Amino acid sequence: MGTHQGLDRLITFLDAVVAIAITLLVLPLVELVAGEGRETDLAAVFSHHGNQFAAFLLSFAVIARLWWAHHRLGEQVGAYDGAFVLINVVWVLTIVFLAFATQVVVTYRADRLAVALYIGTMTASSVCLLLLTLLLRRRPSLRREDVQTEDINLPPALSTTTLLVLALVLGVALPAVNYWALLLLFLSGPFEWLIRQRVGRSSG
């Protein structure tokens, strides 16, 4: 089991990588006004590259949401082991790769493989968060002393991951749907409520 100092270094490292990844998203936009083939008219930058700005904003929001979920989970951690480190490394890999997946979206638009790559990366990241949640629930030694099993909130991670899997299947299977499948995430609240109800009945 790792030390508190080691845990602090791990969390700091993960936060730093996420910060770099979310910053990398803006670099292609900088190229629009600073690169060799830059637009001479500023208004044209926004009108001709609206899809690129939309992809940037979406990916920024996605990474911010994933980091926030990871941050809240990290506040309940008091120690770490090999499995915890491995899952976190895979999770941060998905965050870094999302910057590349964003450019794939801009270049290839609604191409089926591009949709699979983008939504699939988000799904893999959410799966990692779900695995971390399950790990903390099943290994009390990883939690802070004042954190109980019931304090580890499973329904949000489970609902988000399930909806992303559905979005991935729909977006790839139905080309006309593509990235619009991500609107399923707006159902996370009601879906989470259903999971809580089911868990409540099972425990009752």
N, C-alpha and C. Protein backbone atom coordinates (compact mmCIF):
# COMPACT_ATOMS: atom_id res chain seq x y z
N MET A 1 0.85 -1.20 0.00
CA MET A 1 0.00 0.00 0.00
C MET A 1 0.89 1.25 0.00
N GLY A 2 0.58 2.22 -0.84
CA GLY A 2 1.42 3.39 -0.98
C GLY A 2 1.27 4.38 0.16
N THR A 3 2.20 5.32 0.24
CA THR A 3 2.19 6.35 1.28
C THR A 3 1.31 7.53 0.85
N HIS A 4 0.99 8.40 1.81
CA HIS A 4 0.20 9.60 1.51
C HIS A 4 0.97 10.52 0.57
N GLN A 5 2.29 10.59 0.76
CA GLN A 5 3.10 11.41 -0.13
C GLN A 5 3.04 10.88 -1.56
N GLY A 6 3.10 9.57 -1.70
CA GLY A 6 3.00 8.96 -3.02
C GLY A 6 1.65 9.21 -3.66
N LEU A 7 0.58 9.17 -2.85
CA LEU A 7 -0.76 9.43 -3.37
C LEU A 7 -0.88 10.88 -3.84
N ASP A 8 -0.32 11.80 -3.06
CA ASP A 8 -0.36 13.22 -3.45
C ASP A 8 0.38 13.43 -4.77
N ARG A 9 1.51 12.77 -4.94
CA ARG A 9 2.27 12.90 -6.19
C ARG A 9 1.49 12.33 -7.36
N LEU A 10 0.80 11.21 -7.13
CA LEU A 10 0.02 10.59 -8.19
C LEU A 10 -1.12 11.50 -8.63
N ILE A 11 -1.87 12.05 -7.67
CA ILE A 11 -2.99 12.93 -8.00
C ILE A 11 -2.49 14.20 -8.70
N THR A 12 -1.37 14.75 -8.21
CA THR A 12 -0.79 15.94 -8.83
C THR A 12 -0.39 15.66 -10.28
N PHE A 13 0.21 14.50 -10.49
CA PHE A 13 0.61 14.11 -11.84
C PHE A 13 -0.61 14.00 -12.76
N LEU A 14 -1.66 13.34 -12.29
CA LEU A 14 -2.86 13.16 -13.09
C LEU A 14 -3.50 14.52 -13.42
N ASP A 15 -3.59 15.40 -12.42
CA ASP A 15 -4.17 16.72 -12.65
C ASP A 15 -3.34 17.52 -13.66
N ALA A 16 -2.03 17.39 -13.58
CA ALA A 16 -1.15 18.13 -14.50
C ALA A 16 -1.34 17.64 -15.94
N VAL A 17 -1.45 16.32 -16.12
CA VAL A 17 -1.65 15.77 -17.46
C VAL A 17 -2.99 16.21 -18.03
N VAL A 18 -4.02 16.21 -17.19
CA VAL A 18 -5.35 16.65 -17.64
C VAL A 18 -5.29 18.12 -18.05
N ALA A 19 -4.60 18.93 -17.26
CA ALA A 19 -4.47 20.35 -17.59
C ALA A 19 -3.77 20.56 -18.93
N ILE A 20 -2.72 19.77 -19.18
CA ILE A 20 -2.01 19.87 -20.46
C ILE A 20 -2.91 19.43 -21.60
N ALA A 21 -3.64 18.33 -21.40
CA ALA A 21 -4.52 17.79 -22.45
C ALA A 21 -5.62 18.77 -22.82
N ILE A 22 -6.20 19.41 -21.82
CA ILE A 22 -7.29 20.35 -22.10
C ILE A 22 -6.76 21.62 -22.76
N THR A 23 -5.48 21.94 -22.49
CA THR A 23 -4.85 23.10 -23.14
C THR A 23 -4.53 22.79 -24.60
N LEU A 24 -4.14 21.56 -24.87
CA LEU A 24 -3.80 21.17 -26.25
C LEU A 24 -4.98 21.33 -27.20
N LEU A 25 -6.19 21.29 -26.66
CA LEU A 25 -7.37 21.42 -27.51
C LEU A 25 -7.41 22.74 -28.26
N VAL A 26 -6.84 23.78 -27.67
CA VAL A 26 -6.93 25.11 -28.28
C VAL A 26 -5.86 25.35 -29.34
N LEU A 27 -4.82 24.54 -29.38
CA LEU A 27 -3.72 24.78 -30.31
C LEU A 27 -4.15 24.79 -31.78
N PRO A 28 -5.02 23.87 -32.23
CA PRO A 28 -5.48 23.95 -33.62
C PRO A 28 -6.22 25.25 -33.92
N LEU A 29 -6.90 25.82 -32.92
CA LEU A 29 -7.59 27.10 -33.12
C LEU A 29 -6.59 28.24 -33.24
N VAL A 30 -5.51 28.14 -32.49
CA VAL A 30 -4.46 29.16 -32.59
C VAL A 30 -3.86 29.16 -33.99
N GLU A 31 -3.73 27.97 -34.58
CA GLU A 31 -3.17 27.86 -35.93
C GLU A 31 -4.03 28.58 -36.97
N LEU A 32 -5.32 28.72 -36.68
CA LEU A 32 -6.21 29.39 -37.62
C LEU A 32 -5.86 30.86 -37.81
N VAL A 33 -5.27 31.46 -36.78
CA VAL A 33 -4.94 32.89 -36.87
C VAL A 33 -3.43 33.14 -36.85
N ALA A 34 -2.65 32.09 -36.55
CA ALA A 34 -1.20 32.29 -36.49
C ALA A 34 -0.43 31.42 -37.47
N GLY A 35 -1.10 30.46 -38.08
CA GLY A 35 -0.42 29.55 -39.01
C GLY A 35 -0.18 30.18 -40.37
N GLU A 36 0.51 29.44 -41.23
CA GLU A 36 0.86 29.95 -42.56
C GLU A 36 -0.39 30.16 -43.42
N GLY A 37 -1.35 29.28 -43.34
CA GLY A 37 -2.56 29.41 -44.16
C GLY A 37 -3.69 30.11 -43.44
N ARG A 38 -3.35 31.07 -42.56
CA ARG A 38 -4.36 31.72 -41.74
C ARG A 38 -5.31 32.59 -42.58
N GLU A 39 -6.51 32.73 -42.03
CA GLU A 39 -7.51 33.59 -42.67
C GLU A 39 -7.10 35.06 -42.49
N THR A 40 -7.37 35.87 -43.50
CA THR A 40 -7.05 37.29 -43.40
C THR A 40 -8.19 38.07 -42.75
N ASP A 41 -9.38 37.49 -42.76
CA ASP A 41 -10.54 38.15 -42.17
C ASP A 41 -10.94 37.40 -40.90
N LEU A 42 -10.98 38.10 -39.79
CA LEU A 42 -11.30 37.45 -38.51
C LEU A 42 -12.69 36.83 -38.52
N ALA A 43 -13.64 37.53 -39.14
CA ALA A 43 -15.01 36.99 -39.20
C ALA A 43 -15.03 35.66 -39.94
N ALA A 44 -14.16 35.53 -40.94
CA ALA A 44 -14.11 34.29 -41.72
C ALA A 44 -13.59 33.13 -40.89
N VAL A 45 -12.76 33.45 -39.90
CA VAL A 45 -12.24 32.40 -39.02
C VAL A 45 -13.39 31.68 -38.33
N PHE A 46 -14.35 32.46 -37.83
CA PHE A 46 -15.48 31.87 -37.12
C PHE A 46 -16.51 31.26 -38.07
N SER A 47 -16.73 31.90 -39.20
CA SER A 47 -17.75 31.40 -40.13
C SER A 47 -17.30 30.17 -40.89
N HIS A 48 -16.00 30.09 -41.22
CA HIS A 48 -15.49 28.97 -42.01
C HIS A 48 -15.06 27.78 -41.15
N HIS A 49 -14.86 28.02 -39.86
CA HIS A 49 -14.35 26.95 -38.99
C HIS A 49 -15.24 26.74 -37.77
N GLY A 50 -16.53 26.95 -37.98
CA GLY A 50 -17.46 26.78 -36.86
C GLY A 50 -17.45 25.39 -36.27
N ASN A 51 -17.29 24.39 -37.13
CA ASN A 51 -17.27 23.01 -36.63
C ASN A 51 -16.07 22.75 -35.74
N GLN A 52 -14.95 23.43 -36.04
CA GLN A 52 -13.74 23.25 -35.23
C GLN A 52 -13.92 23.88 -33.85
N PHE A 53 -14.56 25.03 -33.80
CA PHE A 53 -14.84 25.66 -32.50
C PHE A 53 -15.85 24.83 -31.71
N ALA A 54 -16.83 24.25 -32.40
CA ALA A 54 -17.83 23.42 -31.72
C ALA A 54 -17.17 22.18 -31.13
N ALA A 55 -16.26 21.56 -31.88
CA ALA A 55 -15.56 20.38 -31.39
C ALA A 55 -14.69 20.72 -30.18
N PHE A 56 -14.05 21.90 -30.25
CA PHE A 56 -13.23 22.35 -29.12
C PHE A 56 -14.07 22.52 -27.85
N LEU A 57 -15.21 23.21 -27.98
CA LEU A 57 -16.06 23.45 -26.81
C LEU A 57 -16.62 22.15 -26.24
N LEU A 58 -17.01 21.23 -27.13
CA LEU A 58 -17.55 19.95 -26.67
C LEU A 58 -16.49 19.16 -25.92
N SER A 59 -15.31 19.06 -26.49
CA SER A 59 -14.24 18.28 -25.85
C SER A 59 -13.77 18.94 -24.56
N PHE A 60 -13.76 20.27 -24.54
CA PHE A 60 -13.40 20.98 -23.30
C PHE A 60 -14.39 20.62 -22.20
N ALA A 61 -15.68 20.65 -22.54
CA ALA A 61 -16.72 20.32 -21.55
C ALA A 61 -16.62 18.86 -21.11
N VAL A 62 -16.32 17.97 -22.05
CA VAL A 62 -16.20 16.55 -21.74
C VAL A 62 -15.05 16.29 -20.78
N ILE A 63 -13.87 16.86 -21.10
CA ILE A 63 -12.71 16.66 -20.23
C ILE A 63 -12.95 17.27 -18.86
N ALA A 64 -13.57 18.46 -18.83
CA ALA A 64 -13.85 19.11 -17.54
C ALA A 64 -14.78 18.25 -16.70
N ARG A 65 -15.79 17.66 -17.34
CA ARG A 65 -16.73 16.82 -16.60
C ARG A 65 -16.05 15.54 -16.10
N LEU A 66 -15.23 14.93 -16.94
CA LEU A 66 -14.53 13.71 -16.53
C LEU A 66 -13.54 14.00 -15.40
N TRP A 67 -12.85 15.15 -15.50
CA TRP A 67 -11.91 15.51 -14.43
C TRP A 67 -12.66 15.75 -13.12
N TRP A 68 -13.81 16.43 -13.20
CA TRP A 68 -14.57 16.72 -11.98
C TRP A 68 -15.03 15.43 -11.30
N ALA A 69 -15.49 14.46 -12.10
CA ALA A 69 -15.89 13.18 -11.54
C ALA A 69 -14.70 12.48 -10.89
N HIS A 70 -13.54 12.56 -11.54
CA HIS A 70 -12.33 11.96 -10.99
C HIS A 70 -11.90 12.69 -9.72
N HIS A 71 -12.01 14.00 -9.72
CA HIS A 71 -11.64 14.81 -8.55
C HIS A 71 -12.50 14.45 -7.34
N ARG A 72 -13.80 14.35 -7.54
CA ARG A 72 -14.70 14.00 -6.43
C ARG A 72 -14.39 12.61 -5.89
N LEU A 73 -14.05 11.71 -6.78
CA LEU A 73 -13.69 10.36 -6.36
C LEU A 73 -12.37 10.38 -5.59
N GLY A 74 -11.43 11.21 -6.07
CA GLY A 74 -10.13 11.28 -5.43
C GLY A 74 -10.18 11.81 -4.01
N GLU A 75 -11.19 12.61 -3.69
CA GLU A 75 -11.32 13.15 -2.33
C GLU A 75 -11.66 12.07 -1.31
N GLN A 76 -12.07 10.89 -1.78
CA GLN A 76 -12.42 9.80 -0.89
C GLN A 76 -11.30 8.77 -0.76
N VAL A 77 -10.20 9.02 -1.47
CA VAL A 77 -9.09 8.08 -1.48
C VAL A 77 -8.09 8.42 -0.38
N GLY A 78 -7.62 7.37 0.33
CA GLY A 78 -6.64 7.59 1.39
C GLY A 78 -5.35 6.84 1.16
N ALA A 79 -5.37 5.90 0.20
CA ALA A 79 -4.19 5.11 -0.12
C ALA A 79 -4.31 4.61 -1.56
N TYR A 80 -3.30 3.91 -2.03
CA TYR A 80 -3.36 3.40 -3.40
C TYR A 80 -2.60 2.08 -3.49
N ASP A 81 -2.93 1.32 -4.52
CA ASP A 81 -2.21 0.08 -4.79
C ASP A 81 -1.98 -0.03 -6.29
N GLY A 82 -1.47 -1.16 -6.74
CA GLY A 82 -1.14 -1.32 -8.14
C GLY A 82 -2.34 -1.19 -9.06
N ALA A 83 -3.47 -1.79 -8.68
CA ALA A 83 -4.68 -1.73 -9.50
C ALA A 83 -5.17 -0.29 -9.63
N PHE A 84 -5.12 0.45 -8.53
CA PHE A 84 -5.56 1.85 -8.53
C PHE A 84 -4.70 2.68 -9.48
N VAL A 85 -3.40 2.48 -9.42
CA VAL A 85 -2.48 3.23 -10.30
C VAL A 85 -2.72 2.86 -11.76
N LEU A 86 -2.88 1.57 -12.04
CA LEU A 86 -3.06 1.11 -13.42
C LEU A 86 -4.32 1.71 -14.05
N ILE A 87 -5.43 1.67 -13.32
CA ILE A 87 -6.68 2.21 -13.85
C ILE A 87 -6.56 3.71 -14.08
N ASN A 88 -5.88 4.40 -13.17
CA ASN A 88 -5.70 5.84 -13.33
C ASN A 88 -4.83 6.18 -14.54
N VAL A 89 -3.81 5.36 -14.78
CA VAL A 89 -2.95 5.60 -15.94
C VAL A 89 -3.74 5.41 -17.24
N VAL A 90 -4.58 4.38 -17.28
CA VAL A 90 -5.42 4.16 -18.46
C VAL A 90 -6.42 5.32 -18.61
N TRP A 91 -6.97 5.78 -17.48
CA TRP A 91 -7.92 6.89 -17.52
C TRP A 91 -7.28 8.15 -18.10
N VAL A 92 -6.09 8.47 -17.64
CA VAL A 92 -5.44 9.70 -18.12
C VAL A 92 -5.01 9.53 -19.59
N LEU A 93 -4.76 8.29 -20.01
CA LEU A 93 -4.47 8.03 -21.42
C LEU A 93 -5.68 8.40 -22.29
N THR A 94 -6.87 8.06 -21.83
CA THR A 94 -8.08 8.41 -22.59
C THR A 94 -8.26 9.92 -22.67
N ILE A 95 -7.90 10.63 -21.61
CA ILE A 95 -8.02 12.08 -21.59
C ILE A 95 -7.07 12.71 -22.61
N VAL A 96 -5.83 12.24 -22.62
CA VAL A 96 -4.84 12.76 -23.57
C VAL A 96 -5.25 12.43 -25.00
N PHE A 97 -5.73 11.22 -25.21
CA PHE A 97 -6.11 10.78 -26.56
C PHE A 97 -7.31 11.56 -27.08
N LEU A 98 -8.12 12.10 -26.18
CA LEU A 98 -9.31 12.84 -26.60
C LEU A 98 -8.93 14.07 -27.43
N ALA A 99 -7.75 14.64 -27.18
CA ALA A 99 -7.29 15.78 -27.99
C ALA A 99 -7.11 15.36 -29.44
N PHE A 100 -6.55 14.17 -29.66
CA PHE A 100 -6.40 13.65 -31.02
C PHE A 100 -7.76 13.31 -31.61
N ALA A 101 -8.63 12.68 -30.83
CA ALA A 101 -9.96 12.31 -31.31
C ALA A 101 -10.76 13.54 -31.72
N THR A 102 -10.52 14.66 -31.05
CA THR A 102 -11.21 15.90 -31.40
C THR A 102 -10.82 16.36 -32.79
N GLN A 103 -9.53 16.27 -33.11
CA GLN A 103 -9.07 16.65 -34.44
C GLN A 103 -9.58 15.69 -35.51
N VAL A 104 -9.75 14.44 -35.14
CA VAL A 104 -10.33 13.46 -36.06
C VAL A 104 -11.75 13.87 -36.41
N VAL A 105 -12.50 14.33 -35.40
CA VAL A 105 -13.88 14.79 -35.63
C VAL A 105 -13.90 15.96 -36.61
N VAL A 106 -12.98 16.92 -36.41
CA VAL A 106 -12.92 18.10 -37.26
C VAL A 106 -12.58 17.72 -38.70
N THR A 107 -11.68 16.76 -38.87
CA THR A 107 -11.20 16.40 -40.20
C THR A 107 -12.16 15.46 -40.94
N TYR A 108 -12.67 14.48 -40.22
CA TYR A 108 -13.47 13.44 -40.88
C TYR A 108 -14.97 13.54 -40.59
N ARG A 109 -15.35 14.56 -39.81
CA ARG A 109 -16.76 14.85 -39.55
C ARG A 109 -17.50 13.61 -39.04
N ALA A 110 -18.56 13.21 -39.78
CA ALA A 110 -19.44 12.13 -39.33
C ALA A 110 -19.04 10.77 -39.87
N ASP A 111 -17.80 10.61 -40.28
CA ASP A 111 -17.32 9.30 -40.69
C ASP A 111 -17.53 8.30 -39.55
N ARG A 112 -17.99 7.11 -39.90
CA ARG A 112 -18.35 6.13 -38.87
C ARG A 112 -17.19 5.81 -37.92
N LEU A 113 -16.00 5.68 -38.47
CA LEU A 113 -14.83 5.38 -37.64
C LEU A 113 -14.50 6.56 -36.73
N ALA A 114 -14.68 7.78 -37.23
CA ALA A 114 -14.43 8.98 -36.42
C ALA A 114 -15.40 9.03 -35.25
N VAL A 115 -16.66 8.71 -35.51
CA VAL A 115 -17.67 8.67 -34.44
C VAL A 115 -17.29 7.62 -33.41
N ALA A 116 -16.88 6.45 -33.88
CA ALA A 116 -16.50 5.37 -32.97
C ALA A 116 -15.30 5.75 -32.12
N LEU A 117 -14.34 6.44 -32.75
CA LEU A 117 -13.12 6.85 -32.04
C LEU A 117 -13.43 7.88 -30.96
N TYR A 118 -14.26 8.87 -31.31
CA TYR A 118 -14.54 9.96 -30.38
C TYR A 118 -15.41 9.49 -29.21
N ILE A 119 -16.56 8.91 -29.53
CA ILE A 119 -17.45 8.45 -28.45
C ILE A 119 -16.83 7.27 -27.71
N GLY A 120 -16.08 6.44 -28.44
CA GLY A 120 -15.41 5.31 -27.80
C GLY A 120 -14.38 5.75 -26.77
N THR A 121 -13.66 6.83 -27.08
CA THR A 121 -12.67 7.35 -26.12
C THR A 121 -13.36 7.86 -24.86
N MET A 122 -14.47 8.57 -25.04
CA MET A 122 -15.24 9.04 -23.88
C MET A 122 -15.77 7.87 -23.06
N THR A 123 -16.23 6.84 -23.75
CA THR A 123 -16.76 5.66 -23.07
C THR A 123 -15.67 4.96 -22.27
N ALA A 124 -14.49 4.81 -22.87
CA ALA A 124 -13.38 4.16 -22.17
C ALA A 124 -13.00 4.94 -20.92
N SER A 125 -13.02 6.27 -21.01
CA SER A 125 -12.70 7.11 -19.85
C SER A 125 -13.72 6.91 -18.74
N SER A 126 -15.01 6.84 -19.12
CA SER A 126 -16.07 6.65 -18.14
C SER A 126 -15.99 5.26 -17.52
N VAL A 127 -15.61 4.26 -18.32
CA VAL A 127 -15.45 2.91 -17.79
C VAL A 127 -14.36 2.89 -16.71
N CYS A 128 -13.28 3.62 -16.95
CA CYS A 128 -12.20 3.70 -15.96
C CYS A 128 -12.70 4.30 -14.65
N LEU A 129 -13.51 5.35 -14.75
CA LEU A 129 -14.06 5.96 -13.54
C LEU A 129 -14.99 5.00 -12.82
N LEU A 130 -15.75 4.22 -13.57
CA LEU A 130 -16.62 3.21 -12.97
C LEU A 130 -15.80 2.14 -12.25
N LEU A 131 -14.71 1.71 -12.88
CA LEU A 131 -13.84 0.71 -12.26
C LEU A 131 -13.19 1.25 -10.98
N LEU A 132 -12.80 2.52 -11.00
CA LEU A 132 -12.23 3.14 -9.79
C LEU A 132 -13.27 3.19 -8.67
N THR A 133 -14.51 3.50 -9.04
CA THR A 133 -15.59 3.54 -8.05
C THR A 133 -15.80 2.17 -7.43
N LEU A 134 -15.85 1.14 -8.27
CA LEU A 134 -16.03 -0.23 -7.77
C LEU A 134 -14.85 -0.66 -6.91
N LEU A 135 -13.65 -0.24 -7.32
CA LEU A 135 -12.45 -0.59 -6.56
C LEU A 135 -12.50 0.00 -5.16
N LEU A 136 -12.92 1.26 -5.06
CA LEU A 136 -13.00 1.91 -3.75
C LEU A 136 -14.10 1.28 -2.88
N ARG A 137 -15.17 0.84 -3.50
CA ARG A 137 -16.24 0.20 -2.73
C ARG A 137 -15.82 -1.16 -2.18
N ARG A 138 -15.00 -1.86 -2.94
CA ARG A 138 -14.63 -3.22 -2.56
C ARG A 138 -13.34 -3.31 -1.75
N ARG A 139 -12.55 -2.25 -1.73
CA ARG A 139 -11.29 -2.28 -0.98
C ARG A 139 -11.26 -1.12 0.02
N PRO A 140 -11.75 -1.37 1.22
CA PRO A 140 -11.78 -0.32 2.25
C PRO A 140 -10.41 0.26 2.55
N SER A 141 -9.36 -0.52 2.34
CA SER A 141 -8.00 -0.05 2.64
C SER A 141 -7.58 1.12 1.75
N LEU A 142 -8.28 1.32 0.63
CA LEU A 142 -7.95 2.43 -0.27
C LEU A 142 -8.66 3.71 0.11
N ARG A 143 -9.68 3.60 0.96
CA ARG A 143 -10.49 4.77 1.30
C ARG A 143 -9.93 5.49 2.52
N ARG A 144 -10.30 6.78 2.62
CA ARG A 144 -10.01 7.51 3.84
C ARG A 144 -10.76 6.86 5.01
N GLU A 145 -10.27 7.05 6.20
CA GLU A 145 -10.85 6.38 7.36
C GLU A 145 -12.30 6.77 7.60
N ASP A 146 -12.66 8.01 7.24
CA ASP A 146 -14.02 8.49 7.50
C ASP A 146 -14.99 8.21 6.35
N VAL A 147 -14.54 7.47 5.34
CA VAL A 147 -15.39 7.17 4.18
C VAL A 147 -15.88 5.73 4.26
N GLN A 148 -17.21 5.57 4.23
CA GLN A 148 -17.82 4.26 4.28
C GLN A 148 -18.21 3.80 2.87
N THR A 149 -18.55 2.53 2.75
CA THR A 149 -18.92 1.97 1.44
C THR A 149 -20.06 2.74 0.81
N GLU A 150 -21.09 3.07 1.62
CA GLU A 150 -22.26 3.76 1.09
C GLU A 150 -21.95 5.20 0.65
N ASP A 151 -20.79 5.71 1.08
CA ASP A 151 -20.40 7.07 0.66
C ASP A 151 -19.85 7.09 -0.76
N ILE A 152 -19.46 5.93 -1.27
CA ILE A 152 -18.95 5.83 -2.64
C ILE A 152 -20.15 5.75 -3.57
N ASN A 153 -20.40 6.81 -4.29
CA ASN A 153 -21.63 6.94 -5.09
C ASN A 153 -21.50 6.21 -6.43
N LEU A 154 -22.09 5.03 -6.51
CA LEU A 154 -21.99 4.21 -7.72
C LEU A 154 -22.95 4.61 -8.84
N PRO A 155 -24.22 4.96 -8.56
CA PRO A 155 -25.17 5.24 -9.65
C PRO A 155 -24.72 6.26 -10.70
N PRO A 156 -24.10 7.40 -10.34
CA PRO A 156 -23.68 8.34 -11.38
C PRO A 156 -22.69 7.73 -12.38
N ALA A 157 -21.69 7.02 -11.87
CA ALA A 157 -20.70 6.40 -12.75
C ALA A 157 -21.33 5.32 -13.61
N LEU A 158 -22.25 4.55 -13.02
CA LEU A 158 -22.90 3.47 -13.75
C LEU A 158 -23.84 4.01 -14.83
N SER A 159 -24.60 5.06 -14.49
CA SER A 159 -25.54 5.61 -15.46
C SER A 159 -24.82 6.28 -16.63
N THR A 160 -23.78 7.06 -16.33
CA THR A 160 -23.03 7.73 -17.39
C THR A 160 -22.37 6.73 -18.33
N THR A 161 -21.76 5.70 -17.76
CA THR A 161 -21.10 4.69 -18.58
C THR A 161 -22.10 3.94 -19.45
N THR A 162 -23.23 3.57 -18.88
CA THR A 162 -24.25 2.85 -19.63
C THR A 162 -24.78 3.69 -20.80
N LEU A 163 -25.04 4.96 -20.53
CA LEU A 163 -25.55 5.84 -21.59
C LEU A 163 -24.51 6.09 -22.68
N LEU A 164 -23.24 6.16 -22.30
CA LEU A 164 -22.19 6.33 -23.30
C LEU A 164 -22.04 5.09 -24.17
N VAL A 165 -22.19 3.92 -23.58
CA VAL A 165 -22.15 2.69 -24.36
C VAL A 165 -23.30 2.68 -25.37
N LEU A 166 -24.49 3.08 -24.93
CA LEU A 166 -25.64 3.17 -25.83
C LEU A 166 -25.39 4.20 -26.93
N ALA A 167 -24.82 5.34 -26.56
CA ALA A 167 -24.51 6.39 -27.54
C ALA A 167 -23.50 5.88 -28.56
N LEU A 168 -22.52 5.12 -28.12
CA LEU A 168 -21.52 4.56 -29.02
C LEU A 168 -22.16 3.61 -30.03
N VAL A 169 -23.03 2.74 -29.53
CA VAL A 169 -23.70 1.78 -30.41
C VAL A 169 -24.59 2.50 -31.42
N LEU A 170 -25.40 3.45 -30.94
CA LEU A 170 -26.31 4.17 -31.82
C LEU A 170 -25.56 5.04 -32.83
N GLY A 171 -24.54 5.75 -32.35
CA GLY A 171 -23.80 6.65 -33.21
C GLY A 171 -23.07 5.94 -34.33
N VAL A 172 -22.59 4.72 -34.06
CA VAL A 172 -21.88 3.96 -35.07
C VAL A 172 -22.84 3.20 -35.97
N ALA A 173 -23.88 2.63 -35.38
CA ALA A 173 -24.83 1.82 -36.14
C ALA A 173 -25.71 2.66 -37.06
N LEU A 174 -26.04 3.89 -36.61
CA LEU A 174 -26.92 4.76 -37.40
C LEU A 174 -26.15 6.01 -37.80
N PRO A 175 -25.59 6.03 -39.00
CA PRO A 175 -24.78 7.17 -39.46
C PRO A 175 -25.49 8.51 -39.37
N ALA A 176 -26.81 8.52 -39.56
CA ALA A 176 -27.56 9.78 -39.49
C ALA A 176 -27.58 10.34 -38.07
N VAL A 177 -27.41 9.48 -37.09
CA VAL A 177 -27.42 9.91 -35.68
C VAL A 177 -26.06 10.45 -35.28
N ASN A 178 -24.99 9.72 -35.64
CA ASN A 178 -23.59 10.05 -35.31
C ASN A 178 -23.43 10.68 -33.92
N TYR A 179 -22.89 11.91 -33.85
CA TYR A 179 -22.57 12.50 -32.55
C TYR A 179 -23.81 12.95 -31.77
N TRP A 180 -24.95 13.05 -32.44
CA TRP A 180 -26.17 13.42 -31.75
C TRP A 180 -26.54 12.39 -30.69
N ALA A 181 -25.99 11.20 -30.80
CA ALA A 181 -26.25 10.16 -29.81
C ALA A 181 -25.80 10.58 -28.41
N LEU A 182 -24.86 11.53 -28.36
CA LEU A 182 -24.36 12.01 -27.06
C LEU A 182 -25.44 12.75 -26.27
N LEU A 183 -26.52 13.13 -26.94
CA LEU A 183 -27.63 13.78 -26.23
C LEU A 183 -28.27 12.84 -25.22
N LEU A 184 -27.99 11.55 -25.35
CA LEU A 184 -28.48 10.59 -24.36
C LEU A 184 -27.99 10.91 -22.96
N LEU A 185 -26.86 11.62 -22.89
CA LEU A 185 -26.30 11.95 -21.57
C LEU A 185 -27.22 12.85 -20.76
N PHE A 186 -28.13 13.55 -21.44
CA PHE A 186 -29.09 14.37 -20.72
C PHE A 186 -30.08 13.51 -19.93
N LEU A 187 -30.09 12.22 -20.21
CA LEU A 187 -30.97 11.30 -19.48
C LEU A 187 -30.27 10.72 -18.25
N SER A 188 -29.06 11.18 -17.98
CA SER A 188 -28.30 10.60 -16.87
C SER A 188 -29.00 10.78 -15.52
N GLY A 189 -29.67 11.93 -15.35
CA GLY A 189 -30.39 12.17 -14.09
C GLY A 189 -31.50 11.16 -13.86
N PRO A 190 -32.47 11.05 -14.80
CA PRO A 190 -33.54 10.05 -14.64
C PRO A 190 -33.01 8.63 -14.57
N PHE A 191 -31.99 8.32 -15.38
CA PHE A 191 -31.45 6.96 -15.39
C PHE A 191 -30.78 6.64 -14.05
N GLU A 192 -30.10 7.63 -13.49
CA GLU A 192 -29.48 7.45 -12.18
C GLU A 192 -30.54 7.20 -11.11
N TRP A 193 -31.67 7.92 -11.22
CA TRP A 193 -32.77 7.72 -10.27
C TRP A 193 -33.31 6.30 -10.35
N LEU A 194 -33.44 5.77 -11.57
CA LEU A 194 -33.92 4.40 -11.75
C LEU A 194 -32.96 3.39 -11.12
N ILE A 195 -31.66 3.64 -11.27
CA ILE A 195 -30.67 2.74 -10.68
C ILE A 195 -30.78 2.77 -9.16
N ARG A 196 -30.95 3.97 -8.59
CA ARG A 196 -31.08 4.07 -7.14
C ARG A 196 -32.32 3.34 -6.65
N GLN A 197 -33.41 3.47 -7.41
CA GLN A 197 -34.64 2.78 -7.02
C GLN A 197 -34.45 1.27 -7.06
N ARG A 198 -33.78 0.79 -8.08
CA ARG A 198 -33.55 -0.65 -8.22
C ARG A 198 -32.64 -1.17 -7.11
N VAL A 199 -31.57 -0.40 -6.84
CA VAL A 199 -30.65 -0.79 -5.77
C VAL A 199 -31.36 -0.77 -4.42
N GLY A 200 -32.23 0.24 -4.22
CA GLY A 200 -32.97 0.34 -2.97
C GLY A 200 -33.89 -0.85 -2.76
N ARG A 201 -34.58 -1.28 -3.82
CA ARG A 201 -35.48 -2.43 -3.71
C ARG A 201 -34.70 -3.71 -3.45
N SER A 202 -33.52 -3.81 -4.10
CA SER A 202 -32.69 -5.02 -3.92
C SER A 202 -32.18 -5.12 -2.49
N SER A 203 -31.73 -3.97 -1.95
CA SER A 203 -31.21 -3.99 -0.58
C SER A 203 -32.34 -4.17 0.41
N GLY A 204 -33.56 -3.68 0.05
CA GLY A 204 -34.70 -3.85 0.95
C GLY A 204 -35.16 -5.27 1.01
